[in-house]
C-alpha atoms as a PDB file:
ATOM      1  CA  MET A   1     -28.295 152.170  86.964  1.00  0.00           C
ATOM      2  CA  GLU A   2     -28.866 153.603  83.620  1.00  0.00           C
ATOM      3  CA  PHE A   3     -30.063 150.386  82.417  1.00  0.00           C
ATOM      4  CA  TYR A   4     -32.591 150.433  85.183  1.00  0.00           C
ATOM      5  CA  TYR A   5     -33.617 154.115  84.477  1.00  0.00           C
ATOM      6  CA  VAL A   6     -32.230 155.186  87.820  1.00  0.00           C
ATOM      7  CA  ASP A   7     -32.968 158.970  88.367  1.00  0.00           C
ATOM      8  CA  GLN A   8     -29.871 161.081  87.481  1.00  0.00           C
ATOM      9  CA  ALA A   9     -29.680 162.748  90.675  1.00  0.00           C
ATOM     10  CA  ILE A  10     -29.744 159.548  92.574  1.00  0.00           C
ATOM     11  CA  MET A  11     -26.964 158.505  90.389  1.00  0.00           C
ATOM     12  CA  HIS A  12     -24.910 161.480  91.141  1.00  0.00           C
ATOM     13  CA  GLN A  13     -25.560 160.923  94.894  1.00  0.00           C
ATOM     14  CA  ILE A  14     -24.472 157.294  94.664  1.00  0.00           C
ATOM     15  CA  MET A  15     -21.405 157.881  92.565  1.00  0.00           C
ATOM     16  CA  SER A  16     -20.411 160.880  94.953  1.00  0.00           C
ATOM     17  CA  GLU A  17     -20.834 158.723  98.067  1.00  0.00           C
ATOM     18  CA  LEU A  18     -18.560 156.009  96.211  1.00  0.00           C
ATOM     19  CA  LEU A  19     -15.765 158.164  95.155  1.00  0.00           C
ATOM     20  CA  CYS A  20     -15.591 159.656  98.598  1.00  0.00           C
ATOM     21  CA  ILE A  21     -15.175 156.064 100.366  1.00  0.00           C
ATOM     22  CA  ILE A  22     -12.698 155.237  97.672  1.00  0.00           C
ATOM     23  CA  GLY A  23     -10.672 158.416  98.168  1.00  0.00           C
ATOM     24  CA  VAL A  24     -10.519 158.391 102.043  1.00  0.00           C
ATOM     25  CA  THR A  25      -9.399 154.652 101.982  1.00  0.00           C
ATOM     26  CA  ALA A  26      -6.784 154.924  99.470  1.00  0.00           C
ATOM     27  CA  PHE A  27      -5.364 158.018 100.852  1.00  0.00           C
ATOM     28  CA  ASN A  28      -4.981 156.594 104.460  1.00  0.00           C
ATOM     29  CA  ASN A  29      -3.566 153.420 103.051  1.00  0.00           C
ATOM     30  CA  ILE A  30      -1.103 155.244 100.804  1.00  0.00           C
ATOM     31  CA  ILE A  31      -0.002 157.430 103.523  1.00  0.00           C
ATOM     32  CA  MET A  32       0.605 154.819 106.099  1.00  0.00           C
ATOM     33  CA  ARG A  33       2.118 152.125 103.827  1.00  0.00           C
ATOM     34  CA  ARG A  34       5.671 152.489 102.449  1.00  0.00           C
ATOM     35  CA  ASN A  35       5.356 149.967  99.642  1.00  0.00           C
ATOM     36  CA  PHE A  36       2.968 152.280  98.111  1.00  0.00           C
ATOM     37  CA  CYS A  37       5.095 155.451  98.414  1.00  0.00           C
ATOM     38  CA  SER A  38       7.286 155.413  95.404  1.00  0.00           C
ATOM     39  CA  TRP A  39       7.278 157.195  92.106  1.00  0.00           C
ATOM     40  CA  LYS A  40       6.087 153.831  90.160  1.00  0.00           C
ATOM     41  CA  ARG A  41       3.270 153.372  92.375  1.00  0.00           C
ATOM     42  CA  GLY A  42       2.116 156.805  92.075  1.00  0.00           C
ATOM     43  CA  MET A  43       2.202 156.554  88.244  1.00  0.00           C
ATOM     44  CA  GLN A  44       0.279 153.277  88.311  1.00  0.00           C
ATOM     45  CA  ILE A  45      -2.295 154.779  90.605  1.00  0.00           C
ATOM     46  CA  GLN A  46      -2.495 157.966  88.625  1.00  0.00           C
ATOM     47  CA  TYR A  47      -3.238 155.952  85.612  1.00  0.00           C
ATOM     48  CA  ASN A  48      -6.178 154.225  87.481  1.00  0.00           C
ATOM     49  CA  LEU A  49      -7.502 157.571  88.662  1.00  0.00           C
ATOM     50  CA  THR A  50      -7.563 158.742  85.006  1.00  0.00           C
ATOM     51  CA  ARG A  51      -9.527 155.888  83.900  1.00  0.00           C
ATOM     52  CA  ILE A  52     -12.015 156.621  86.672  1.00  0.00           C
ATOM     53  CA  GLU A  53     -12.230 160.263  85.569  1.00  0.00           C
ATOM     54  CA  GLU A  54     -12.926 159.141  82.008  1.00  0.00           C
ATOM     55  CA  TRP A  55     -15.574 156.839  82.953  1.00  0.00           C
ATOM     56  CA  CYS A  56     -17.254 159.786  85.117  1.00  0.00           C
ATOM     57  CA  LYS A  57     -16.982 161.997  82.240  1.00  0.00           C
ATOM     58  CA  ALA A  58     -18.574 159.389  79.938  1.00  0.00           C
ATOM     59  CA  HIS A  59     -21.568 158.899  82.484  1.00  0.00           C
ATOM     60  CA  SER A  60     -22.152 162.699  83.008  1.00  0.00           C
ATOM     61  CA  VAL A  61     -20.783 162.405  86.708  1.00  0.00           C
ATOM     62  CA  SER A  62     -17.633 164.217  86.367  1.00  0.00           C
ATOM     63  CA  ASP A  63     -18.421 166.656  89.087  1.00  0.00           C
ATOM     64  CA  THR A  64     -18.306 163.660  91.540  1.00  0.00           C
ATOM     65  CA  MET A  65     -14.441 163.617  91.042  1.00  0.00           C
ATOM     66  CA  ARG A  66     -13.945 166.352  93.359  1.00  0.00           C
ATOM     67  CA  ASN A  67     -14.189 163.593  96.138  1.00  0.00           C
ATOM     68  CA  LEU A  68     -10.825 162.383  94.809  1.00  0.00           C
ATOM     69  CA  ASP A  69      -8.980 165.632  95.079  1.00  0.00           C
ATOM     70  CA  ARG A  70      -6.812 164.994  98.180  1.00  0.00           C
ATOM     71  CA  LEU A  71      -5.967 161.702  96.695  1.00  0.00           C
ATOM     72  CA  LEU A  72      -4.938 163.087  93.584  1.00  0.00           C
ATOM     73  CA  GLN A  73      -2.822 165.560  95.048  1.00  0.00           C
ATOM     74  CA  LEU A  74      -1.149 162.916  97.372  1.00  0.00           C
ATOM     75  CA  ILE A  75      -0.465 160.856  94.103  1.00  0.00           C
ATOM     76  CA  LYS A  76       1.112 164.184  92.466  1.00  0.00           C
ATOM     77  CA  LEU A  77       3.435 164.657  95.598  1.00  0.00           C
ATOM     78  CA  LEU A  78       4.866 160.886  94.893  1.00  0.00           C
ATOM     79  CA  GLN A  79       5.680 162.257  91.220  1.00  0.00           C
ATOM     80  CA  LEU A  80       7.477 165.445  92.257  1.00  0.00           C
ATOM     81  CA  GLN A  81      11.001 166.237  92.518  1.00  0.00           C
ATOM     82  CA  LYS A  82      11.952 165.887  96.053  1.00  0.00           C
ATOM     83  CA  SER A  83      15.887 166.350  95.746  1.00  0.00           C
ATOM     84  CA  THR A  84      16.484 170.098  96.338  1.00  0.00           C
ATOM     85  CA  GLU A  85      15.144 172.727  98.746  1.00  0.00           C
ATOM     86  CA  GLN A  86      13.655 174.644  95.842  1.00  0.00           C
ATOM     87  CA  ASP A  87      11.508 171.464  95.203  1.00  0.00           C
ATOM     88  CA  ILE A  88       9.898 172.228  98.480  1.00  0.00           C
ATOM     89  CA  ASP A  89       8.008 175.386  97.516  1.00  0.00           C
ATOM     90  CA  ILE A  90       6.814 173.456  94.536  1.00  0.00           C
ATOM     91  CA  MET A  91       5.390 170.692  96.602  1.00  0.00           C
ATOM     92  CA  PHE A  92       3.471 172.797  98.971  1.00  0.00           C
ATOM     93  CA  ASP A  93       1.946 174.967  96.267  1.00  0.00           C
ATOM     94  CA  VAL A  94       0.920 172.009  94.289  1.00  0.00           C
ATOM     95  CA  CYS A  95      -0.548 170.080  97.105  1.00  0.00           C
ATOM     96  CA  ASP A  96      -2.410 172.788  98.911  1.00  0.00           C
ATOM     97  CA  LEU A  97      -5.012 170.497 100.101  1.00  0.00           C
ATOM     98  CA  LEU A  98      -2.600 168.549 102.085  1.00  0.00           C
ATOM     99  CA  ASN A  99      -1.626 169.815 105.647  1.00  0.00           C
ATOM    100  CA  PRO A 100       2.132 169.699 106.280  1.00  0.00           C
ATOM    101  CA  ALA A 101       2.092 166.860 108.531  1.00  0.00           C
ATOM    102  CA  GLN A 102       0.638 164.763 105.752  1.00  0.00           C
ATOM    103  CA  ILE A 103       3.586 165.984 103.334  1.00  0.00           C
ATOM    104  CA  LYS A 104       6.049 165.338 106.132  1.00  0.00           C
ATOM    105  CA  LYS A 105       4.717 161.606 106.680  1.00  0.00           C
ATOM    106  CA  LEU A 106       4.834 161.029 103.004  1.00  0.00           C
ATOM    107  CA  LEU A 107       8.362 162.195 102.523  1.00  0.00           C
ATOM    108  CA  SER A 108       9.641 160.145 105.310  1.00  0.00           C
ATOM    109  CA  ILE A 109       8.513 156.901 104.290  1.00  0.00           C
ATOM    110  CA  TYR A 110       9.030 157.669 100.553  1.00  0.00           C
ATOM    111  CA  ALA A 111      11.083 154.815  98.858  1.00  0.00           C
ATOM    112  CA  VAL A 112      13.502 156.357  96.370  1.00  0.00           C
ATOM    113  CA  SER A 113      14.054 154.482  93.407  1.00  0.00           C
ATOM    114  CA  ASP A 114      17.542 153.553  91.817  1.00  0.00           C
ATOM    115  CA  TYR A 115      17.225 156.167  89.144  1.00  0.00           C
ATOM    116  CA  GLU A 116      15.973 159.172  91.794  1.00  0.00           C
ATOM    117  CA  ASN A 117      18.077 161.477  93.517  1.00  0.00           C
ATOM    118  CA  PRO A 118      17.813 160.687  97.441  1.00  0.00           C
ATOM    119  CA  ILE A 119      15.948 162.930  99.748  1.00  0.00           C
ATOM    120  CA  ILE A 120      18.859 164.908 101.519  1.00  0.00           C
ATOM    121  CA  GLY A 121      18.814 165.996 104.915  1.00  0.00           C
ATOM    122  CA  PRO A 122      18.174 169.737 104.354  1.00  0.00           C
ATOM    123  CA  VAL A 123      15.017 168.898 102.410  1.00  0.00           C
ATOM    124  CA  MET A 124      13.518 166.845 105.431  1.00  0.00           C
ATOM    125  CA  ASN A 125      14.517 169.603 107.901  1.00  0.00           C
ATOM    126  CA  GLU A 126      12.923 172.321 106.146  1.00  0.00           C
ATOM    127  CA  VAL A 127       9.900 170.311 105.419  1.00  0.00           C
ATOM    128  CA  SER A 128      10.052 169.504 109.390  1.00  0.00           C
ATOM    129  CA  ARG A 129      10.318 173.145 110.117  1.00  0.00           C
ATOM    130  CA  ARG A 130       7.291 173.926 108.253  1.00  0.00           C
ATOM    131  CA  ALA A 131       5.126 171.234 109.863  1.00  0.00           C
ATOM    132  CA  SER A 132       6.293 171.974 113.414  1.00  0.00           C
ATOM    133  CA  PRO A 133       3.635 174.711 114.102  1.00  0.00           C
ATOM    134  CA  THR A 134       0.868 172.737 113.205  1.00  0.00           C
ATOM    135  CA  ASP A 135       2.112 169.306 113.907  1.00  0.00           C
ATOM    136  CA  LYS A 136       0.108 168.792 117.112  1.00  0.00           C
ATOM    137  CA  THR A 137      -3.318 169.954 115.292  1.00  0.00           C
ATOM    138  CA  ASP A 138      -2.924 168.376 111.727  1.00  0.00           C
ATOM    139  CA  LYS A 139      -4.858 165.258 111.183  1.00  0.00           C
ATOM    140  CA  MET A 140      -2.701 162.683 109.582  1.00  0.00           C
ATOM    141  CA  LEU A 141      -5.477 160.389 108.244  1.00  0.00           C
ATOM    142  CA  LEU A 142      -8.747 161.442 106.299  1.00  0.00           C
ATOM    143  CA  ASP A 143     -12.295 160.464 107.750  1.00  0.00           C
ATOM    144  CA  SER A 144     -15.264 160.235 105.698  1.00  0.00           C
ATOM    145  CA  ASN A 145     -16.614 163.375 107.235  1.00  0.00           C
ATOM    146  CA  ASP A 146     -13.806 165.279 106.070  1.00  0.00           C
ATOM    147  CA  LEU A 147     -15.127 165.115 102.445  1.00  0.00           C
ATOM    148  CA  SER A 148     -18.890 165.140 103.497  1.00  0.00           C
ATOM    149  CA  GLU A 149     -19.230 168.857 102.170  1.00  0.00           C
ATOM    150  CA  GLN A 150     -17.996 167.513  98.807  1.00  0.00           C
ATOM    151  CA  VAL A 151     -20.771 165.060  98.511  1.00  0.00           C
ATOM    152  CA  LEU A 152     -23.615 166.182  96.524  1.00  0.00           C
ATOM    153  CA  TYR A 153     -26.977 166.170  97.900  1.00  0.00           C
ATOM    154  CA  LEU A 154     -29.543 166.384  95.291  1.00  0.00           C
ATOM    155  CA  THR A 155     -33.242 166.205  95.127  1.00  0.00           C
ATOM    156  CA  ALA A 156     -34.847 163.738  92.735  1.00  0.00           C
ATOM    157  CA  ARG A 157     -36.918 165.185  89.659  1.00  0.00           C
ATOM    158  CA  LYS A 158     -40.554 164.616  89.788  1.00  0.00           C
ATOM    159  CA  VAL A 159     -41.524 161.395  88.155  1.00  0.00           C
ATOM    160  CA  PRO A 160     -44.082 161.574  85.321  1.00  0.00           C
ATOM    161  CA  ALA A 161     -46.996 159.032  85.219  1.00  0.00           C
ATOM    162  CA  ILE A 162     -45.537 157.120  82.215  1.00  0.00           C
ATOM    163  CA  GLU A 163     -42.305 156.245  83.988  1.00  0.00           C
ATOM    164  CA  THR A 164     -44.572 154.564  86.937  1.00  0.00           C
ATOM    165  CA  TYR A 165     -45.882 151.846  84.508  1.00  0.00           C
ATOM    166  CA  ILE A 166     -45.233 148.275  85.539  1.00  0.00           C
ATOM    167  CA  PRO A 167     -45.927 145.387  83.185  1.00  0.00           C
ATOM    168  CA  PRO A 168     -48.714 143.146  84.017  1.00  0.00           C
ATOM    169  CA  GLU A 169     -46.375 140.082  83.770  1.00  0.00           C
ATOM    170  CA  PHE A 170     -44.551 141.286  87.042  1.00  0.00           C
ATOM    171  CA  ARG A 171     -46.043 139.522  90.053  1.00  0.00           C
ATOM    172  CA  ILE A 172     -45.130 142.428  92.605  1.00  0.00           C
ATOM    173  CA  PRO A 173     -48.417 143.344  94.199  1.00  0.00           C
ATOM    174  CA  ARG A 174     -46.763 145.106  97.303  1.00  0.00           C
ATOM    175  CA  ILE A 175     -44.930 147.574  94.590  1.00  0.00           C
ATOM    176  CA  ARG A 176     -47.840 147.912  92.052  1.00  0.00           C
ATOM    177  CA  ALA A 177     -50.226 149.083  94.887  1.00  0.00           C
ATOM    178  CA  PRO A 178     -48.174 152.381  95.590  1.00  0.00           C
ATOM    179  CA  VAL A 179     -46.986 152.917  91.969  1.00  0.00           C
ATOM    180  CA  ASP A 180     -50.768 152.595  90.776  1.00  0.00           C
ATOM    181  CA  SER A 181     -51.667 155.061  93.263  1.00  0.00           C
ATOM    182  CA  GLN A 182     -48.842 157.544  92.246  1.00  0.00           C
ATOM    183  CA  THR A 183     -49.939 156.958  88.620  1.00  0.00           C
ATOM    184  CA  ASP A 184     -53.501 158.089  89.463  1.00  0.00           C
ATOM    185  CA  MET A 185     -52.403 161.123  91.279  1.00  0.00           C
ATOM    186  CA  ALA A 186     -49.973 161.878  88.453  1.00  0.00           C
ATOM    187  CA  TYR A 187     -52.633 161.642  85.827  1.00  0.00           C
ATOM    188  CA  ASP A 188     -55.190 163.747  88.200  1.00  0.00           C
ATOM    189  CA  GLU A 189     -52.481 166.575  88.326  1.00  0.00           C
ATOM    190  CA  GLU A 190     -52.190 166.698  84.488  1.00  0.00           C
ATOM    191  CA  ASP A 191     -55.763 166.534  84.110  1.00  0.00           C
ATOM    192  CA  GLU A 192     -56.022 169.815  86.313  1.00  0.00           C
ATOM    193  CA  GLU A 193     -53.141 171.384  84.635  1.00  0.00           C
ATOM    194  CA  ALA A 194     -54.654 170.879  81.083  1.00  0.00           C
ATOM    195  CA  MET A 195     -58.202 171.935  82.311  1.00  0.00           C
ATOM    196  CA  GLY A 196     -56.604 175.338  83.644  1.00  0.00           C
ATOM    197  CA  ASN A 197     -54.904 175.907  80.354  1.00  0.00           C
ATOM    198  CA  HIS A 198     -58.197 175.274  78.638  1.00  0.00           C
ATOM    199  CA  MET A 199     -59.997 177.970  80.743  1.00  0.00           C
ATOM    200  CA  ASP A 200     -57.248 180.518  80.152  1.00  0.00           C
ATOM    201  CA  GLU A 201     -57.495 180.151  76.309  1.00  0.00           C
ATOM    202  CA  TYR A 202     -61.302 180.350  76.663  1.00  0.00           C
ATOM    203  CA  ASN A 203     -61.065 183.586  78.549  1.00  0.00           C
ATOM    204  CA  ASP A 204     -58.624 185.162  76.208  1.00  0.00           C
ATOM    205  CA  TYR A 205     -60.962 184.011  73.303  1.00  0.00           C
ATOM    206  CA  ASP A 206     -64.153 185.687  75.000  1.00  0.00           C
ATOM    207  CA  ALA A 207     -62.269 189.015  75.971  1.00  0.00           C
ATOM    208  CA  PHE A 208     -60.960 189.172  72.470  1.00  0.00           C
ATOM    209  CA  ASN A 209     -64.577 188.660  71.028  1.00  0.00           C
ATOM    210  CA  GLN A 210     -65.890 191.312  73.476  1.00  0.00           C
ATOM    211  CA  GLY A 211     -63.068 193.674  72.481  1.00  0.00           C
ATOM    212  CA  VAL A 212     -61.536 193.635  75.784  1.00  0.00           C
ATOM    213  CA  PRO A 213     -57.755 193.445  75.736  1.00  0.00           C
ATOM    214  CA  ALA A 214     -56.459 189.743  77.297  1.00  0.00           C
ATOM    215  CA  GLY A 215     -55.419 190.211  80.896  1.00  0.00           C
ATOM    216  CA  ASN A 216     -57.716 193.402  81.737  1.00  0.00           C
ATOM    217  CA  TYR A 217     -60.679 191.362  82.497  1.00  0.00           C
END
């Protein structure tokens, strides 16, 4: 997009929509598939998300990463300790964007590695207790509309005349006609603005010669 001089606002819009789709799709796949719910998988996905974040920062679209906030918390949950009841408070504090039903679902299908302590019964019982008041109303899966308020909707900047130039060797008459029209309009606006500035300068100069302070005539 930078190679083709796509407007910065449009780039933000495209990246915001794209990361929204990635966040929703990845979240739903992880929470419904046991082979993704492990500490090792969490580390792998965390690394991939870190690379995406680095790319966004390098291309000045880091604010679009907000669309991956829930996915990042889901991955963080895979990496947290889950062996004691004290770990439950940490899970609910760190993963505050996840509802209790989602936390319960993830823990119920979590694949414990050989080097991890198993999730004991009291831990699952406490998580189930916290999830029970809202169990029927909490949504398990995300929808793209859930993140629509995080998608950036920006207005593209005004394109100056110089950027509407099309090289003559390009045979695109249907595009050239509106572009030429836009260029003529832009030049007319620039001429009117320049004429207005010249008139202001003339009035100030004339007022100065007549001994009248500028702005009082």
